[in-house]
C-alpha atoms as a PDB file:
ATOM      1  CA  MET A   1       0.002  -0.039  -0.025  1.00  0.00           C
ATOM      2  CA  LYS A   2       2.873   2.337   0.917  1.00  0.00           C
ATOM      3  CA  LYS A   3       4.535   1.525  -2.390  1.00  0.00           C
ATOM      4  CA  ILE A   4       1.352   2.461  -4.222  1.00  0.00           C
ATOM      5  CA  LEU A   5       1.110   5.715  -2.313  1.00  0.00           C
ATOM      6  CA  VAL A   6       4.736   6.499  -3.069  1.00  0.00           C
ATOM      7  CA  VAL A   7       4.196   5.823  -6.802  1.00  0.00           C
ATOM      8  CA  LEU A   8       1.016   8.001  -6.837  1.00  0.00           C
ATOM      9  CA  LEU A   9       2.905  10.785  -5.016  1.00  0.00           C
ATOM     10  CA  ALA A  10       5.742  10.595  -7.589  1.00  0.00           C
ATOM     11  CA  LEU A  11       3.210  10.775 -10.456  1.00  0.00           C
ATOM     12  CA  VAL A  12       1.555  13.834  -8.918  1.00  0.00           C
ATOM     13  CA  LEU A  13       4.911  15.602  -8.493  1.00  0.00           C
ATOM     14  CA  ALA A  14       5.860  14.737 -12.042  1.00  0.00           C
ATOM     15  CA  LEU A  15       2.591  16.145 -13.393  1.00  0.00           C
ATOM     16  CA  ALA A  16       3.054  19.325 -11.305  1.00  0.00           C
ATOM     17  CA  MET A  17       6.536  19.833 -12.820  1.00  0.00           C
ATOM     18  CA  VAL A  18       5.209  19.380 -16.320  1.00  0.00           C
ATOM     19  CA  ALA A  19       2.453  21.927 -15.688  1.00  0.00           C
ATOM     20  CA  CYS A  20       5.018  24.461 -14.456  1.00  0.00           C
ATOM     21  CA  GLY A  21       7.118  23.847 -17.617  1.00  0.00           C
ATOM     22  CA  ASP A  22       4.081  24.527 -19.818  1.00  0.00           C
ATOM     23  CA  ASN A  23       3.348  27.801 -18.104  1.00  0.00           C
ATOM     24  CA  GLY A  24       6.925  28.980 -18.652  1.00  0.00           C
ATOM     25  CA  ASP A  25       6.776  28.034 -22.344  1.00  0.00           C
ATOM     26  CA  ALA A  26       3.496  29.837 -22.706  1.00  0.00           C
ATOM     27  CA  LYS A  27       4.948  33.039 -21.234  1.00  0.00           C
ATOM     28  CA  ASP A  28       7.921  32.840 -23.564  1.00  0.00           C
ATOM     29  CA  THR A  29       5.513  32.431 -26.447  1.00  0.00           C
ATOM     30  CA  GLU A  30       3.557  35.571 -25.405  1.00  0.00           C
ATOM     31  CA  THR A  31       6.776  37.551 -25.136  1.00  0.00           C
ATOM     32  CA  ASN A  32       7.883  36.412 -28.589  1.00  0.00           C
ATOM     33  CA  ALA A  33       4.462  37.281 -29.917  1.00  0.00           C
ATOM     34  CA  GLY A  34       4.817  40.757 -28.411  1.00  0.00           C
ATOM     35  CA  THR A  35       8.209  41.153 -30.009  1.00  0.00           C
ATOM     36  CA  ASP A  36       6.836  40.031 -33.388  1.00  0.00           C
ATOM     37  CA  THR A  37       4.037  42.549 -33.142  1.00  0.00           C
ATOM     38  CA  THR A  38       6.530  45.372 -32.520  1.00  0.00           C
ATOM     39  CA  LEU A  39       8.547  44.358 -35.553  1.00  0.00           C
ATOM     40  CA  ASP A  40       5.421  44.222 -37.719  1.00  0.00           C
ATOM     41  CA  THR A  41       4.526  47.753 -36.656  1.00  0.00           C
ATOM     42  CA  THR A  42       8.031  48.992 -37.524  1.00  0.00           C
ATOM     43  CA  VAL A  43       7.745  47.417 -40.969  1.00  0.00           C
ATOM     44  CA  ASP A  44       4.316  48.972 -41.510  1.00  0.00           C
ATOM     45  CA  THR A  45       5.617  52.387 -40.471  1.00  0.00           C
ATOM     46  CA  ALA A  46       8.517  52.016 -42.896  1.00  0.00           C
ATOM     47  CA  ALA A  47       6.143  51.080 -45.653  1.00  0.00           C
ATOM     48  CA  ASP A  48       3.976  54.095 -44.886  1.00  0.00           C
ATOM     49  CA  THR A  49       7.042  56.319 -45.081  1.00  0.00           C
ATOM     50  CA  GLU A  50       8.069  54.799 -48.405  1.00  0.00           C
ATOM     51  CA  GLY A  51       4.521  55.324 -49.629  1.00  0.00           C
ATOM     52  CA  GLY A  52       4.757  58.952 -48.574  1.00  0.00           C
ATOM     53  CA  ASP A  53       7.916  59.416 -50.641  1.00  0.00           C
ATOM     54  CA  VAL A  54       5.785  59.133 -53.758  1.00  0.00           C
ATOM     55  CA  ALA A  55       4.289  62.517 -52.935  1.00  0.00           C
ATOM     56  CA  ALA A  56       7.530  64.086 -51.764  1.00  0.00           C
ATOM     57  CA  VAL A  57       8.858  67.096 -53.554  1.00  0.00           C
ATOM     58  CA  MET A  58      10.982  66.073 -56.509  1.00  0.00           C
ATOM     59  CA  SER A  59      14.352  67.399 -57.592  1.00  0.00           C
ATOM     60  CA  TYR A  60      14.576  68.688 -61.176  1.00  0.00           C
ATOM     61  CA  ALA A  61      16.517  65.503 -62.076  1.00  0.00           C
ATOM     62  CA  ASP A  62      13.802  63.320 -60.626  1.00  0.00           C
ATOM     63  CA  TYR A  63      11.162  65.294 -62.456  1.00  0.00           C
ATOM     64  CA  MET A  64      12.919  64.887 -65.785  1.00  0.00           C
ATOM     65  CA  ALA A  65      13.480  61.155 -65.112  1.00  0.00           C
ATOM     66  CA  ALA A  66       9.784  60.578 -64.369  1.00  0.00           C
ATOM     67  CA  GLU A  67       7.775  58.928 -67.113  1.00  0.00           C
ATOM     68  CA  LEU A  68       5.112  60.872 -69.048  1.00  0.00           C
ATOM     69  CA  ASP A  69       1.672  60.861 -67.327  1.00  0.00           C
ATOM     70  CA  ALA A  70       3.354  60.176 -63.957  1.00  0.00           C
ATOM     71  CA  PRO A  71       2.278  62.205 -60.906  1.00  0.00           C
ATOM     72  CA  VAL A  72       4.837  64.853 -60.041  1.00  0.00           C
ATOM     73  CA  VAL A  73       5.342  67.334 -57.148  1.00  0.00           C
ATOM     74  CA  ILE A  74       7.766  70.187 -57.646  1.00  0.00           C
ATOM     75  CA  GLU A  75       8.779  73.398 -55.929  1.00  0.00           C
ATOM     76  CA  ALA A  76       9.934  76.285 -58.075  1.00  0.00           C
ATOM     77  CA  TYR A  77       9.833  80.051 -58.460  1.00  0.00           C
ATOM     78  CA  VAL A  78       7.494  81.961 -60.715  1.00  0.00           C
ATOM     79  CA  GLN A  79       9.380  83.617 -63.531  1.00  0.00           C
ATOM     80  CA  ALA A  80       6.585  84.850 -65.832  1.00  0.00           C
ATOM     81  CA  LYS A  81       2.817  84.576 -66.186  1.00  0.00           C
ATOM     82  CA  GLN A  82       1.566  83.759 -69.649  1.00  0.00           C
ATOM     83  CA  SER A  83      -2.189  83.791 -69.188  1.00  0.00           C
ATOM     84  CA  TRP A  84      -5.189  83.437 -66.896  1.00  0.00           C
ATOM     85  CA  TRP A  85      -8.778  82.584 -67.771  1.00  0.00           C
ATOM     86  CA  ASP A  86     -11.641  80.563 -66.351  1.00  0.00           C
ATOM     87  CA  ASN A  87      -9.632  79.989 -63.123  1.00  0.00           C
ATOM     88  CA  LYS A  88      -6.716  78.512 -65.014  1.00  0.00           C
ATOM     89  CA  ALA A  89      -3.176  79.896 -65.068  1.00  0.00           C
ATOM     90  CA  THR A  90      -0.278  79.150 -67.411  1.00  0.00           C
ATOM     91  CA  ILE A  91       3.105  80.133 -66.030  1.00  0.00           C
ATOM     92  CA  TYR A  92       6.834  79.684 -66.391  1.00  0.00           C
ATOM     93  CA  THR A  93       8.691  78.606 -63.289  1.00  0.00           C
ATOM     94  CA  GLN A  94      12.338  77.839 -62.537  1.00  0.00           C
ATOM     95  CA  ASP A  95      14.747  76.917 -59.794  1.00  0.00           C
ATOM     96  CA  GLN A  96      18.557  76.833 -59.632  1.00  0.00           C
ATOM     97  CA  ASP A  97      18.600  73.427 -61.482  1.00  0.00           C
ATOM     98  CA  GLY A  98      15.986  73.690 -64.212  1.00  0.00           C
ATOM     99  CA  ALA A  99      12.660  75.043 -65.361  1.00  0.00           C
ATOM    100  CA  TYR A 100       9.040  73.928 -65.502  1.00  0.00           C
ATOM    101  CA  PHE A 101       6.249  75.063 -67.760  1.00  0.00           C
ATOM    102  CA  ILE A 102       2.898  74.730 -65.992  1.00  0.00           C
ATOM    103  CA  TYR A 103      -0.131  74.693 -68.294  1.00  0.00           C
ATOM    104  CA  GLU A 104      -3.525  75.756 -67.016  1.00  0.00           C
ATOM    105  CA  MET A 105      -3.126  74.937 -63.347  1.00  0.00           C
ATOM    106  CA  VAL A 106      -6.133  75.584 -61.122  1.00  0.00           C
ATOM    107  CA  CYS A 107      -5.889  79.171 -59.934  1.00  0.00           C
ATOM    108  CA  SER A 108      -8.318  81.908 -58.824  1.00  0.00           C
ATOM    109  CA  GLU A 109      -7.899  85.374 -60.192  1.00  0.00           C
ATOM    110  CA  GLU A 110      -7.062  86.549 -56.674  1.00  0.00           C
ATOM    111  CA  ASP A 111      -4.232  84.005 -56.357  1.00  0.00           C
ATOM    112  CA  TYR A 112      -3.027  84.766 -59.909  1.00  0.00           C
ATOM    113  CA  ALA A 113      -2.363  88.309 -58.826  1.00  0.00           C
ATOM    114  CA  LYS A 114      -0.069  86.983 -56.066  1.00  0.00           C
ATOM    115  CA  LEU A 115       2.116  85.085 -58.475  1.00  0.00           C
ATOM    116  CA  VAL A 116       4.705  87.790 -59.004  1.00  0.00           C
ATOM    117  CA  PRO A 117       8.165  86.857 -60.315  1.00  0.00           C
ATOM    118  CA  GLY A 118      10.284  85.264 -57.588  1.00  0.00           C
ATOM    119  CA  THR A 119       7.329  83.705 -55.690  1.00  0.00           C
ATOM    120  CA  LYS A 120       7.974  80.170 -54.573  1.00  0.00           C
ATOM    121  CA  ILE A 121       5.170  77.627 -55.131  1.00  0.00           C
ATOM    122  CA  ARG A 122       4.591  73.929 -54.713  1.00  0.00           C
ATOM    123  CA  VAL A 123       2.782  72.262 -57.600  1.00  0.00           C
ATOM    124  CA  ASN A 124       1.041  68.894 -57.682  1.00  0.00           C
ATOM    125  CA  GLY A 125       0.115  67.469 -61.096  1.00  0.00           C
ATOM    126  CA  PHE A 126       1.047  65.147 -63.921  1.00  0.00           C
ATOM    127  CA  LYS A 127       3.979  65.316 -66.276  1.00  0.00           C
ATOM    128  CA  THR A 128       3.084  65.392 -69.958  1.00  0.00           C
ATOM    129  CA  ALA A 129       4.374  66.499 -73.292  1.00  0.00           C
ATOM    130  CA  TRP A 130       2.834  68.250 -76.284  1.00  0.00           C
ATOM    131  CA  GLU A 131       4.617  68.581 -79.601  1.00  0.00           C
ATOM    132  CA  GLY A 132       7.937  68.108 -77.794  1.00  0.00           C
ATOM    133  CA  GLU A 133       7.214  70.538 -74.984  1.00  0.00           C
ATOM    134  CA  VAL A 134       7.529  68.780 -71.563  1.00  0.00           C
ATOM    135  CA  GLU A 135       5.160  70.404 -69.082  1.00  0.00           C
ATOM    136  CA  ILE A 136       2.905  69.907 -66.102  1.00  0.00           C
ATOM    137  CA  ALA A 137      -0.485  69.164 -67.539  1.00  0.00           C
ATOM    138  CA  SER A 138      -3.751  71.071 -67.193  1.00  0.00           C
ATOM    139  CA  GLY A 139      -5.525  70.631 -63.860  1.00  0.00           C
ATOM    140  CA  ALA A 140      -2.459  70.801 -61.610  1.00  0.00           C
ATOM    141  CA  THR A 141      -2.993  72.405 -58.193  1.00  0.00           C
ATOM    142  CA  PHE A 142      -0.552  74.665 -56.327  1.00  0.00           C
ATOM    143  CA  GLU A 143       0.122  76.496 -53.100  1.00  0.00           C
ATOM    144  CA  ILE A 144       2.248  79.531 -52.363  1.00  0.00           C
ATOM    145  CA  ILE A 145       5.079  78.761 -49.914  1.00  0.00           C
ATOM    146  CA  GLU A 146       4.733  81.587 -47.422  1.00  0.00           C
ATOM    147  CA  GLY A 147       7.928  83.018 -46.010  1.00  0.00           C
ATOM    148  CA  ALA A 148      10.118  81.314 -48.564  1.00  0.00           C
ATOM    149  CA  ASP A 149      13.082  83.041 -50.228  1.00  0.00           C
ATOM    150  CA  THR A 150      12.649  84.502 -53.662  1.00  0.00           C
ATOM    151  CA  TYR A 151      14.519  83.728 -56.914  1.00  0.00           C
ATOM    152  CA  VAL A 152      14.516  85.322 -60.302  1.00  0.00           C
ATOM    153  CA  ALA A 153      16.768  83.632 -62.846  1.00  0.00           C
ATOM    154  CA  GLU A 154      19.313  85.451 -64.943  1.00  0.00           C
ATOM    155  CA  PRO A 155      19.245  84.424 -68.613  1.00  0.00           C
ATOM    156  CA  VAL A 156      21.846  81.785 -69.492  1.00  0.00           C
ATOM    157  CA  ASP A 157      23.687  82.444 -72.766  1.00  0.00           C
ATOM    158  CA  LEU A 158      22.834  79.486 -75.055  1.00  0.00           C
ATOM    159  CA  THR A 159      24.119  81.008 -78.303  1.00  0.00           C
ATOM    160  CA  GLU A 160      26.785  78.307 -78.627  1.00  0.00           C
ATOM    161  CA  VAL A 161      24.419  75.389 -78.094  1.00  0.00           C
ATOM    162  CA  LEU A 162      21.665  76.606 -80.420  1.00  0.00           C
ATOM    163  CA  GLY A 163      21.114  73.901 -82.996  1.00  0.00           C
ATOM    164  CA  THR A 164      22.711  71.147 -80.845  1.00  0.00           C
ATOM    165  CA  GLU A 165      21.144  68.260 -78.955  1.00  0.00           C
ATOM    166  CA  GLU A 166      22.388  69.861 -75.724  1.00  0.00           C
ATOM    167  CA  LEU A 167      19.753  72.605 -76.013  1.00  0.00           C
ATOM    168  CA  ILE A 168      16.932  70.313 -74.889  1.00  0.00           C
ATOM    169  CA  ASN A 169      18.595  70.209 -71.447  1.00  0.00           C
ATOM    170  CA  TYR A 170      17.644  73.881 -70.967  1.00  0.00           C
ATOM    171  CA  GLN A 171      14.011  73.542 -71.962  1.00  0.00           C
ATOM    172  CA  ASN A 172      11.785  76.252 -70.453  1.00  0.00           C
ATOM    173  CA  GLN A 173      14.737  78.136 -68.919  1.00  0.00           C
ATOM    174  CA  LEU A 174      15.268  81.883 -69.477  1.00  0.00           C
ATOM    175  CA  ALA A 175      18.040  82.165 -72.027  1.00  0.00           C
ATOM    176  CA  SER A 176      19.787  84.635 -74.302  1.00  0.00           C
ATOM    177  CA  PHE A 177      20.870  84.225 -77.911  1.00  0.00           C
ATOM    178  CA  LYS A 178      23.303  86.812 -79.307  1.00  0.00           C
ATOM    179  CA  GLY A 179      24.232  88.086 -82.727  1.00  0.00           C
ATOM    180  CA  MET A 180      21.203  86.711 -84.473  1.00  0.00           C
ATOM    181  CA  THR A 181      20.239  88.014 -87.937  1.00  0.00           C
ATOM    182  CA  VAL A 182      16.602  88.769 -88.703  1.00  0.00           C
ATOM    183  CA  GLU A 183      15.474  86.738 -91.749  1.00  0.00           C
ATOM    184  CA  ALA A 184      11.684  87.154 -91.519  1.00  0.00           C
ATOM    185  CA  VAL A 185       8.979  88.714 -89.316  1.00  0.00           C
ATOM    186  CA  GLU A 186       5.430  87.464 -89.759  1.00  0.00           C
ATOM    187  CA  PHE A 187       2.309  88.388 -87.917  1.00  0.00           C
ATOM    188  CA  LYS A 188      -0.176  85.683 -87.133  1.00  0.00           C
ATOM    189  CA  ASN A 189      -3.354  86.514 -89.097  1.00  0.00           C
ATOM    190  CA  GLY A 190      -1.307  88.972 -91.232  1.00  0.00           C
ATOM    191  CA  GLU A 191      -1.274  92.018 -88.892  1.00  0.00           C
ATOM    192  CA  PRO A 192      -0.306  93.060 -85.377  1.00  0.00           C
ATOM    193  CA  GLY A 193      -2.580  91.953 -82.559  1.00  0.00           C
ATOM    194  CA  ASP A 194      -1.599  88.315 -82.109  1.00  0.00           C
ATOM    195  CA  ASP A 195       1.569  86.190 -82.065  1.00  0.00           C
ATOM    196  CA  ILE A 196       4.592  87.273 -84.075  1.00  0.00           C
ATOM    197  CA  TYR A 197       6.668  84.572 -85.815  1.00  0.00           C
ATOM    198  CA  VAL A 198      10.324  85.548 -86.145  1.00  0.00           C
ATOM    199  CA  THR A 199      12.968  83.665 -88.129  1.00  0.00           C
ATOM    200  CA  LEU A 200      16.509  84.349 -86.950  1.00  0.00           C
ATOM    201  CA  GLY A 201      19.716  83.124 -88.578  1.00  0.00           C
ATOM    202  CA  LEU A 202      23.037  82.173 -87.014  1.00  0.00           C
ATOM    203  CA  GLY A 203      26.004  80.452 -88.655  1.00  0.00           C
ATOM    204  CA  GLY A 204      24.113  79.637 -91.773  1.00  0.00           C
ATOM    205  CA  ALA A 205      21.174  77.953 -89.972  1.00  0.00           C
ATOM    206  CA  SER A 206      17.670  79.391 -89.393  1.00  0.00           C
ATOM    207  CA  TYR A 207      15.699  79.149 -86.157  1.00  0.00           C
ATOM    208  CA  SER A 208      12.072  79.845 -85.333  1.00  0.00           C
ATOM    209  CA  PHE A 209      11.248  82.243 -82.463  1.00  0.00           C
ATOM    210  CA  CYS A 210       7.914  83.550 -81.310  1.00  0.00           C
ATOM    211  CA  VAL A 211       6.537  86.619 -79.549  1.00  0.00           C
ATOM    212  CA  GLU A 212       3.694  84.894 -77.650  1.00  0.00           C
ATOM    213  CA  PHE A 213       0.851  87.383 -77.489  1.00  0.00           C
ATOM    214  CA  TYR A 214      -0.492  86.015 -74.184  1.00  0.00           C
ATOM    215  CA  LEU A 215       2.976  86.326 -72.584  1.00  0.00           C
ATOM    216  CA  THR A 216       3.959  89.648 -74.008  1.00  0.00           C
ATOM    217  CA  GLY A 217       0.938  91.581 -75.350  1.00  0.00           C
ATOM    218  CA  THR A 218       0.870  94.356 -77.879  1.00  0.00           C
ATOM    219  CA  ASP A 219       1.484  97.058 -75.261  1.00  0.00           C
ATOM    220  CA  THR A 220       4.875  95.655 -74.215  1.00  0.00           C
ATOM    221  CA  GLU A 221       8.212  97.021 -75.327  1.00  0.00           C
ATOM    222  CA  VAL A 222       9.290  93.636 -76.805  1.00  0.00           C
ATOM    223  CA  TYR A 223       6.146  93.377 -78.963  1.00  0.00           C
ATOM    224  CA  GLN A 224       6.604  96.858 -80.398  1.00  0.00           C
ATOM    225  CA  THR A 225      10.365  96.390 -80.914  1.00  0.00           C
ATOM    226  CA  VAL A 226       9.860  93.087 -82.810  1.00  0.00           C
ATOM    227  CA  SER A 227       7.039  94.605 -84.856  1.00  0.00           C
ATOM    228  CA  ALA A 228       9.498  97.194 -86.146  1.00  0.00           C
ATOM    229  CA  LEU A 229      12.341  94.769 -87.009  1.00  0.00           C
ATOM    230  CA  GLU A 230      13.655  94.650 -90.529  1.00  0.00           C
ATOM    231  CA  VAL A 231      15.273  91.812 -92.425  1.00  0.00           C
ATOM    232  CA  GLY A 232      19.045  92.037 -91.947  1.00  0.00           C
ATOM    233  CA  ASN A 233      18.890  93.563 -88.471  1.00  0.00           C
ATOM    234  CA  VAL A 234      21.302  91.884 -86.022  1.00  0.00           C
ATOM    235  CA  VAL A 235      19.792  91.350 -82.617  1.00  0.00           C
ATOM    236  CA  ASP A 236      20.379  89.876 -79.135  1.00  0.00           C
ATOM    237  CA  VAL A 237      17.288  88.142 -77.814  1.00  0.00           C
ATOM    238  CA  GLU A 238      16.112  86.795 -74.526  1.00  0.00           C
ATOM    239  CA  GLY A 239      13.274  84.363 -73.954  1.00  0.00           C
ATOM    240  CA  PHE A 240      12.069  81.077 -72.532  1.00  0.00           C
ATOM    241  CA  VAL A 241      13.277  77.952 -74.296  1.00  0.00           C
ATOM    242  CA  TYR A 242       9.880  76.661 -75.271  1.00  0.00           C
ATOM    243  CA  TRP A 243       9.478  73.719 -77.650  1.00  0.00           C
ATOM    244  CA  TYR A 244       7.036  73.266 -80.488  1.00  0.00           C
ATOM    245  CA  GLN A 245       8.096  70.613 -82.990  1.00  0.00           C
ATOM    246  CA  GLY A 246      11.575  71.708 -82.198  1.00  0.00           C
ATOM    247  CA  VAL A 247      13.019  74.659 -80.303  1.00  0.00           C
ATOM    248  CA  ASN A 248      10.742  77.670 -80.493  1.00  0.00           C
ATOM    249  CA  PRO A 249      11.799  80.214 -77.818  1.00  0.00           C
ATOM    250  CA  HIS A 250       9.181  82.641 -76.548  1.00  0.00           C
ATOM    251  CA  ILE A 251      10.869  86.066 -76.828  1.00  0.00           C
ATOM    252  CA  THR A 252      10.710  88.380 -73.821  1.00  0.00           C
ATOM    253  CA  ALA A 253      13.330  91.007 -74.807  1.00  0.00           C
ATOM    254  CA  VAL A 254      15.117  92.133 -77.945  1.00  0.00           C
ATOM    255  CA  THR A 255      18.060  94.528 -78.458  1.00  0.00           C
ATOM    256  CA  VAL A 256      18.974  95.638 -81.942  1.00  0.00           C
ATOM    257  CA  VAL A 257      22.799  95.637 -82.152  1.00  0.00           C
ATOM    258  CA  GLY A 258      23.242  96.086 -85.872  1.00  0.00           C
END
């Protein structure tokens, strides 16, 4: 009988030890589960951050590397306003690295008045191209960055790269072209009051320039100066390196030098 009691007591003690072992394992499992949950949260947070990077402000290099129709976010400085109508604004912008043409972004007339040269803005939209002109498509939104520094670009002299493949790298920037010879001046619709098409020659090659009426209207000095040009005049010109089936700078200033 005593032997039986001893055996039973041994079994009870053994079972108690096993039960204690299970509880310890269960606690370790809970601790591991808690650690795993923390790791999962960290991964999720990283994923969220990476997702947020899609909407981060892009450098000019990133913008140019983006595919057409891709969403883009840029910050740049207003250089010139081309037009406003029906709450849509078309403007030239630039930073220290490159330039952006923004076509018909959503803009009230009140906000349009605030877009003076040098104003820094953030633009959300889609990259697109039309007849070779890379631009931010119609429907983009923007905000003025209050308290930001200002920047108005000086024209970069691109005389030497006119007619080369390198010129595309300066698309939409303010540039100068010097010592150009006037070959033809043609008014759209045959008379002053709209765009002026100007053919300028350099080194035996001819290039198409344009006085864009919406950018520089008939009451501006540049419009009146170009209207009076004669074939054979030698001129220095400044303008934005716009593209239309090839380079087609929008003239903003002209100086007759010969």
